[in-house]
């Protein structure tokens, strides 16, 4: 790190010199213009001849396989990376199924549309205006979807509704919101105006990005838990115990993410996530004196994985309380 003194030129202009080595590497000469980016977090970025967001305008990717995944995966990946226009080029020819898949995933992702879907080329355009996006709201919406998924599983356990096996229908909503957060985080690493357009500082965006990854893990864990419940068919008392454990985890998730979005370590502090100690809560109703029934152990395993992700979000929330927030 170098330090530079601020000089006053004339009556009202402040100047600061730039390192000579940096100017030479950028090919800058006396009198040339540089780009200055001031951010809400107090940072000032100086760039030479590079264009802000350079390289994110478009990307062209070859597709060598005829599977649907060969189309969906690169579109999803390029979208999350932050590209504005995504072109897929077939080494042979796209199938009708692949072209339909491109349209389907474009509908799932926020702010995208298919400009062309020909035999040899598929073009997808992301038309998102970062100033219209609230990353905080996207996190809150993701949590809302996940708690709905948790409640669906709980109701299936208690027999309130016949919903088992259908909780996975909401995963597309989680994927869409998490992809949106990843996209703006990745763009902010290259396009320096992205942070100001989002109305958020770099630290907060990084914390939201990390929390979004954990939320996706929780949603996946809930789907797996639902499948295990359907396969195991726990008895009434066992089902009631799992339902209570799941309710506790729903409350803990809401409290943990509240700490992240509010940047307040005391938010939701009255909610504690008691550990599942080797599944004793379920084992007490399993009829096995020597531990957890192997089939019920699968339930415990999924709950413990959900626990780990919630505790990771709790840690992010504690970290967020250290930094002042500049966000929408």
Protein backbone atom coordinates (compact mmCIF):
# COMPACT_ATOMS: atom_id res chain seq x y z
CA UNK A 1 0.00 0.00 0.00
CA UNK A 2 1.17 3.50 -0.82
CA UNK A 3 0.10 6.79 0.72
CA UNK A 4 -0.31 10.06 -1.16
CA UNK A 5 -0.92 13.58 0.08
CA UNK A 6 -3.90 15.51 -1.18
CA UNK A 7 -2.85 18.80 -2.77
CA UNK A 8 -4.95 21.88 -3.36
CA UNK A 9 -4.74 23.46 -6.81
CA UNK A 10 -6.21 26.85 -7.44
CA UNK A 11 -8.91 27.85 -5.03
CA UNK A 12 -11.12 24.79 -4.86
CA UNK A 13 -9.62 21.77 -6.64
CA UNK A 14 -8.04 18.87 -4.77
CA UNK A 15 -5.56 16.60 -6.54
CA UNK A 16 -3.64 13.43 -5.70
CA UNK A 17 -0.85 11.87 -7.75
CA UNK A 18 -0.92 8.31 -9.10
CA UNK A 19 2.02 5.87 -9.00
CA UNK A 20 4.34 6.28 -11.97
CA UNK A 21 4.68 2.50 -12.42
CA UNK A 22 0.91 2.08 -12.67
CA UNK A 23 0.60 4.89 -15.23
CA UNK A 24 3.30 3.32 -17.39
CA UNK A 25 1.70 -0.13 -17.23
CA UNK A 26 -1.58 1.44 -18.34
CA UNK A 27 0.16 3.33 -21.14
CA UNK A 28 -0.92 6.69 -19.78
CA UNK A 29 0.73 9.95 -20.70
CA UNK A 30 0.47 13.44 -19.25
CA UNK A 31 -2.85 15.02 -20.17
CA UNK A 32 -4.74 11.76 -20.74
CA UNK A 33 -8.04 11.17 -19.03
CA UNK A 34 -8.66 8.43 -16.47
CA UNK A 35 -11.95 7.16 -15.07
CA UNK A 36 -12.86 7.76 -11.45
CA UNK A 37 -15.47 5.72 -9.59
CA UNK A 38 -16.65 6.96 -6.20
CA UNK A 39 -18.62 4.51 -4.10
CA UNK A 40 -21.03 4.80 -1.24
CA UNK A 41 -18.64 2.89 1.02
CA UNK A 42 -16.09 5.72 0.75
CA UNK A 43 -13.76 4.07 -1.76
CA UNK A 44 -12.38 5.76 -4.86
CA UNK A 45 -11.30 3.64 -7.83
CA UNK A 46 -9.09 4.98 -10.63
CA UNK A 47 -9.00 3.14 -13.93
CA UNK A 48 -6.97 3.79 -17.03
CA UNK A 49 -8.14 2.99 -20.55
CA UNK A 50 -10.18 -0.06 -19.62
CA UNK A 51 -13.92 0.22 -20.02
CA UNK A 52 -16.07 -0.41 -16.96
CA UNK A 53 -17.55 -3.88 -17.24
CA UNK A 54 -15.31 -4.72 -20.17
CA UNK A 55 -15.81 -8.30 -21.27
CA UNK A 56 -19.35 -8.71 -19.92
CA UNK A 57 -21.15 -7.50 -23.03
CA UNK A 58 -21.31 -10.92 -24.68
CA UNK A 59 -19.98 -14.45 -24.67
CA UNK A 60 -20.07 -17.18 -27.31
CA UNK A 61 -20.00 -20.81 -26.19
CA UNK A 62 -19.79 -24.01 -28.27
CA UNK A 63 -22.26 -26.84 -27.66
CA UNK A 64 -21.00 -30.25 -28.68
CA UNK A 65 -23.70 -32.47 -27.15
CA UNK A 66 -27.36 -33.02 -27.97
CA UNK A 67 -28.60 -33.17 -24.36
CA UNK A 68 -30.85 -30.57 -22.72
CA UNK A 69 -28.25 -30.10 -19.99
CA UNK A 70 -25.69 -29.05 -22.62
CA UNK A 71 -27.89 -25.99 -23.27
CA UNK A 72 -29.25 -25.25 -19.81
CA UNK A 73 -25.91 -25.42 -17.98
CA UNK A 74 -23.98 -22.83 -20.06
CA UNK A 75 -26.93 -20.42 -20.13
CA UNK A 76 -27.28 -20.61 -16.35
CA UNK A 77 -23.53 -20.30 -15.82
CA UNK A 78 -23.05 -17.36 -18.20
CA UNK A 79 -26.06 -15.58 -16.68
CA UNK A 80 -24.68 -15.96 -13.14
CA UNK A 81 -21.25 -14.79 -14.34
CA UNK A 82 -22.90 -11.55 -15.44
CA UNK A 83 -22.86 -11.63 -19.24
CA UNK A 84 -25.44 -9.49 -21.02
CA UNK A 85 -25.72 -11.54 -24.21
CA UNK A 86 -25.15 -15.29 -24.34
CA UNK A 87 -24.70 -17.06 -27.68
CA UNK A 88 -24.61 -20.84 -27.96
CA UNK A 89 -23.28 -22.30 -31.21
CA UNK A 90 -23.95 -25.94 -32.10
CA UNK A 91 -21.12 -27.94 -33.61
CA UNK A 92 -23.80 -29.85 -35.52
CA UNK A 93 -27.41 -28.79 -34.92
CA UNK A 94 -29.66 -27.97 -31.96
CA UNK A 95 -32.58 -30.31 -31.42
CA UNK A 96 -36.14 -29.08 -30.94
CA UNK A 97 -35.87 -30.19 -27.31
CA UNK A 98 -32.75 -28.10 -26.77
CA UNK A 99 -34.38 -25.02 -28.25
CA UNK A 100 -37.40 -25.51 -25.99
CA UNK A 101 -35.04 -25.91 -23.02
CA UNK A 102 -33.37 -22.59 -23.87
CA UNK A 103 -36.73 -20.82 -23.83
CA UNK A 104 -37.69 -22.52 -20.57
CA UNK A 105 -34.54 -21.53 -18.71
CA UNK A 106 -34.76 -17.99 -20.09
CA UNK A 107 -38.24 -17.74 -18.55
CA UNK A 108 -36.90 -19.06 -15.23
CA UNK A 109 -34.06 -16.55 -14.99
CA UNK A 110 -34.91 -12.97 -14.01
CA UNK A 111 -34.84 -10.45 -16.85
CA UNK A 112 -33.84 -12.71 -19.75
CA UNK A 113 -35.32 -13.51 -23.14
CA UNK A 114 -34.41 -15.62 -26.15
CA UNK A 115 -33.56 -13.46 -29.16
CA UNK A 116 -32.95 -16.38 -31.52
CA UNK A 117 -33.25 -20.16 -31.41
CA UNK A 118 -32.12 -21.50 -34.76
CA UNK A 119 -30.69 -24.85 -35.79
CA UNK A 120 -27.10 -23.71 -35.27
CA UNK A 121 -27.40 -20.74 -32.88
CA UNK A 122 -29.26 -19.80 -29.69
CA UNK A 123 -29.02 -16.23 -28.42
CA UNK A 124 -30.20 -15.23 -24.95
CA UNK A 125 -30.23 -11.63 -23.75
CA UNK A 126 -30.24 -10.48 -20.11
CA UNK A 127 -31.99 -7.13 -19.89
CA UNK A 128 -31.70 -6.43 -16.17
CA UNK A 129 -31.42 -2.90 -14.85
CA UNK A 130 -29.35 -3.16 -11.67
CA UNK A 131 -30.91 0.02 -10.29
CA UNK A 132 -34.28 -1.77 -10.23
CA UNK A 133 -32.91 -4.76 -8.28
CA UNK A 134 -32.91 -5.06 -4.49
CA UNK A 135 -30.48 -7.77 -3.37
CA UNK A 136 -31.84 -7.56 0.17
CA UNK A 137 -35.37 -8.13 -1.08
CA UNK A 138 -34.16 -11.09 -3.15
CA UNK A 139 -32.70 -12.65 0.01
CA UNK A 140 -35.93 -12.07 1.90
CA UNK A 141 -37.98 -13.58 -0.93
CA UNK A 142 -35.71 -16.63 -0.99
CA UNK A 143 -36.21 -17.13 2.74
CA UNK A 144 -39.96 -16.80 2.28
CA UNK A 145 -39.97 -19.53 -0.37
CA UNK A 146 -37.82 -21.82 1.79
CA UNK A 147 -39.99 -21.39 4.88
CA UNK A 148 -42.99 -22.27 2.73
CA UNK A 149 -41.16 -25.44 1.66
CA UNK A 150 -40.44 -26.24 5.32
CA UNK A 151 -44.07 -25.69 6.24
CA UNK A 152 -45.17 -27.97 3.41
CA UNK A 153 -43.00 -30.79 4.77
CA UNK A 154 -44.21 -30.15 8.33
CA UNK A 155 -47.85 -30.33 7.23
CA UNK A 156 -47.21 -33.59 5.41
CA UNK A 157 -45.67 -35.01 8.60
CA UNK A 158 -48.59 -34.00 10.79
CA UNK A 159 -51.18 -35.12 8.25
CA UNK A 160 -52.64 -31.64 7.84
CA UNK A 161 -52.28 -31.80 4.06
CA UNK A 162 -51.36 -34.36 1.42
CA UNK A 163 -48.35 -32.53 0.02
CA UNK A 164 -45.47 -34.99 0.39
CA UNK A 165 -43.34 -35.24 -2.73
CA UNK A 166 -44.43 -31.86 -4.10
CA UNK A 167 -42.14 -29.59 -2.11
CA UNK A 168 -39.60 -29.66 -4.96
CA UNK A 169 -41.96 -27.57 -7.09
CA UNK A 170 -40.70 -24.44 -5.31
CA UNK A 171 -37.00 -25.12 -5.97
CA UNK A 172 -37.18 -23.25 -9.27
CA UNK A 173 -38.07 -20.08 -7.36
CA UNK A 174 -35.06 -20.51 -5.07
CA UNK A 175 -32.74 -21.17 -8.02
CA UNK A 176 -34.00 -18.08 -9.86
CA UNK A 177 -33.45 -15.74 -6.90
CA UNK A 178 -30.05 -17.18 -5.97
CA UNK A 179 -28.91 -16.92 -9.61
CA UNK A 180 -29.92 -13.24 -9.60
CA UNK A 181 -27.81 -12.55 -6.50
CA UNK A 182 -24.82 -14.43 -7.91
CA UNK A 183 -25.11 -12.51 -11.16
CA UNK A 184 -24.91 -9.09 -9.53
CA UNK A 185 -22.14 -10.16 -7.17
CA UNK A 186 -20.02 -11.43 -10.09
CA UNK A 187 -20.76 -8.33 -12.16
CA UNK A 188 -19.68 -6.10 -9.28
CA UNK A 189 -16.20 -7.65 -9.44
CA UNK A 190 -15.76 -6.34 -12.99
CA UNK A 191 -18.30 -3.54 -13.50
CA UNK A 192 -17.50 -0.94 -10.85
CA UNK A 193 -20.74 0.96 -11.40
CA UNK A 194 -22.76 -2.11 -10.41
CA UNK A 195 -22.51 -1.46 -6.67
CA UNK A 196 -23.83 2.08 -6.94
CA UNK A 197 -26.62 0.97 -9.27
CA UNK A 198 -27.61 -1.65 -6.71
CA UNK A 199 -27.34 0.85 -3.88
CA UNK A 200 -25.20 -1.47 -1.76
CA UNK A 201 -21.61 -1.65 -0.57
CA UNK A 202 -19.15 -4.38 -1.45
CA UNK A 203 -19.06 -6.01 2.00
CA UNK A 204 -22.84 -6.30 2.28
CA UNK A 205 -23.11 -7.72 -1.24
CA UNK A 206 -20.45 -10.31 -0.45
CA UNK A 207 -22.34 -11.35 2.68
CA UNK A 208 -25.61 -11.66 0.75
CA UNK A 209 -23.84 -13.73 -1.87
CA UNK A 210 -22.51 -16.13 0.77
CA UNK A 211 -25.90 -16.32 2.47
CA UNK A 212 -27.58 -17.08 -0.86
CA UNK A 213 -25.31 -20.10 -1.37
CA UNK A 214 -26.33 -21.43 2.04
CA UNK A 215 -30.01 -20.80 1.37
CA UNK A 216 -29.77 -22.89 -1.78
CA UNK A 217 -28.19 -25.69 0.29
CA UNK A 218 -31.07 -25.50 2.78
CA UNK A 219 -33.68 -25.69 0.02
CA UNK A 220 -31.92 -28.73 -1.45
CA UNK A 221 -31.78 -30.29 2.03
CA UNK A 222 -35.52 -29.80 2.53
CA UNK A 223 -36.27 -31.56 -0.75
CA UNK A 224 -34.04 -34.48 0.25
CA UNK A 225 -35.68 -34.59 3.67
CA UNK A 226 -39.10 -34.75 2.06
CA UNK A 227 -38.00 -37.67 -0.10
CA UNK A 228 -36.58 -39.53 2.91
CA UNK A 229 -39.81 -39.00 4.83
CA UNK A 230 -41.79 -40.41 1.93
CA UNK A 231 -39.51 -43.46 1.78
CA UNK A 232 -39.24 -44.09 5.53
CA UNK A 233 -42.87 -43.38 6.45
CA UNK A 234 -42.13 -42.56 10.13
CA UNK A 235 -44.64 -43.52 12.80
CA UNK A 236 -46.94 -40.87 14.30
CA UNK A 237 -44.71 -40.00 17.28
CA UNK A 238 -41.58 -39.97 15.16
CA UNK A 239 -43.28 -37.77 12.57
CA UNK A 240 -44.40 -35.35 15.30
CA UNK A 241 -40.83 -35.10 16.62
CA UNK A 242 -39.40 -34.41 13.15
CA UNK A 243 -42.14 -31.81 12.55
CA UNK A 244 -41.17 -30.01 15.79
CA UNK A 245 -37.50 -30.08 14.85
CA UNK A 246 -38.33 -28.67 11.42
CA UNK A 247 -40.40 -25.86 12.94
CA UNK A 248 -37.45 -24.92 15.16
CA UNK A 249 -35.21 -24.79 12.12
CA UNK A 250 -37.66 -22.58 10.24
CA UNK A 251 -37.65 -20.09 13.12
CA UNK A 252 -33.85 -20.23 13.38
CA UNK A 253 -33.46 -19.61 9.64
CA UNK A 254 -35.71 -16.56 9.75
CA UNK A 255 -33.78 -15.18 12.74
CA UNK A 256 -30.38 -15.84 11.13
CA UNK A 257 -31.24 -14.14 7.83
CA UNK A 258 -32.79 -11.23 9.72
CA UNK A 259 -29.37 -10.62 11.26
CA UNK A 260 -27.78 -10.67 7.80
CA UNK A 261 -30.19 -8.23 6.13
CA UNK A 262 -30.44 -5.84 9.07
CA UNK A 263 -26.75 -5.95 10.00
CA UNK A 264 -27.79 -6.32 13.62
CA UNK A 265 -26.31 -9.11 15.74
CA UNK A 266 -29.21 -8.83 18.22
CA UNK A 267 -31.95 -9.35 15.60
CA UNK A 268 -33.75 -12.61 16.32
CA UNK A 269 -31.39 -13.28 19.21
CA UNK A 270 -34.14 -14.89 21.28
CA UNK A 271 -34.38 -17.78 18.78
CA UNK A 272 -31.93 -20.57 19.52
CA UNK A 273 -31.25 -23.61 17.37
CA UNK A 274 -30.85 -26.55 19.74
CA UNK A 275 -28.54 -29.23 18.33
CA UNK A 276 -29.73 -32.65 17.19
CA UNK A 277 -27.46 -34.72 19.38
CA UNK A 278 -27.02 -37.89 17.32
CA UNK A 279 -30.74 -37.90 16.68
CA UNK A 280 -31.79 -38.67 20.27
CA UNK A 281 -35.08 -36.88 19.83
CA UNK A 282 -36.09 -39.29 17.08
CA UNK A 283 -34.38 -42.30 18.65
CA UNK A 284 -36.49 -41.98 21.79
CA UNK A 285 -39.51 -42.83 19.66
CA UNK A 286 -37.87 -45.40 17.40
CA UNK A 287 -38.09 -48.48 19.65
CA UNK A 288 -34.36 -49.15 19.28
CA UNK A 289 -32.43 -49.25 22.53
CA UNK A 290 -29.06 -49.33 20.82
CA UNK A 291 -29.45 -46.04 18.95
CA UNK A 292 -31.26 -44.63 15.93
CA UNK A 293 -33.04 -46.92 13.50
CA UNK A 294 -30.86 -46.88 10.34
CA UNK A 295 -33.79 -45.69 8.23
CA UNK A 296 -34.55 -42.87 10.67
CA UNK A 297 -30.85 -41.96 10.74
CA UNK A 298 -31.36 -40.66 7.21
CA UNK A 299 -33.83 -38.12 8.60
CA UNK A 300 -31.31 -37.04 11.20
CA UNK A 301 -28.60 -36.68 8.56
CA UNK A 302 -30.72 -34.34 6.43
CA UNK A 303 -31.72 -32.24 9.45
CA UNK A 304 -28.07 -31.94 10.48
CA UNK A 305 -27.11 -30.73 7.01
CA UNK A 306 -29.84 -28.08 7.20
CA UNK A 307 -28.54 -27.14 10.65
CA UNK A 308 -25.01 -26.63 9.31
CA UNK A 309 -26.22 -24.22 6.62
CA UNK A 310 -28.36 -22.25 9.10
CA UNK A 311 -25.42 -21.91 11.48
CA UNK A 312 -23.28 -20.65 8.59
CA UNK A 313 -25.88 -17.93 7.93
CA UNK A 314 -25.84 -17.08 11.65
CA UNK A 315 -22.08 -16.51 11.42
CA UNK A 316 -22.52 -14.28 8.37
CA UNK A 317 -25.10 -12.30 10.34
CA UNK A 318 -22.66 -11.76 13.19
CA UNK A 319 -20.01 -10.59 10.72
CA UNK A 320 -22.43 -8.20 9.02
CA UNK A 321 -23.07 -6.44 12.34
CA UNK A 322 -19.43 -5.31 12.37
CA UNK A 323 -19.73 -3.26 9.17
CA UNK A 324 -21.98 -0.23 8.60
CA UNK A 325 -24.52 -0.80 5.86
CA UNK A 326 -25.04 1.21 2.66
CA UNK A 327 -27.86 -0.56 0.87
CA UNK A 328 -31.37 -0.39 -0.49
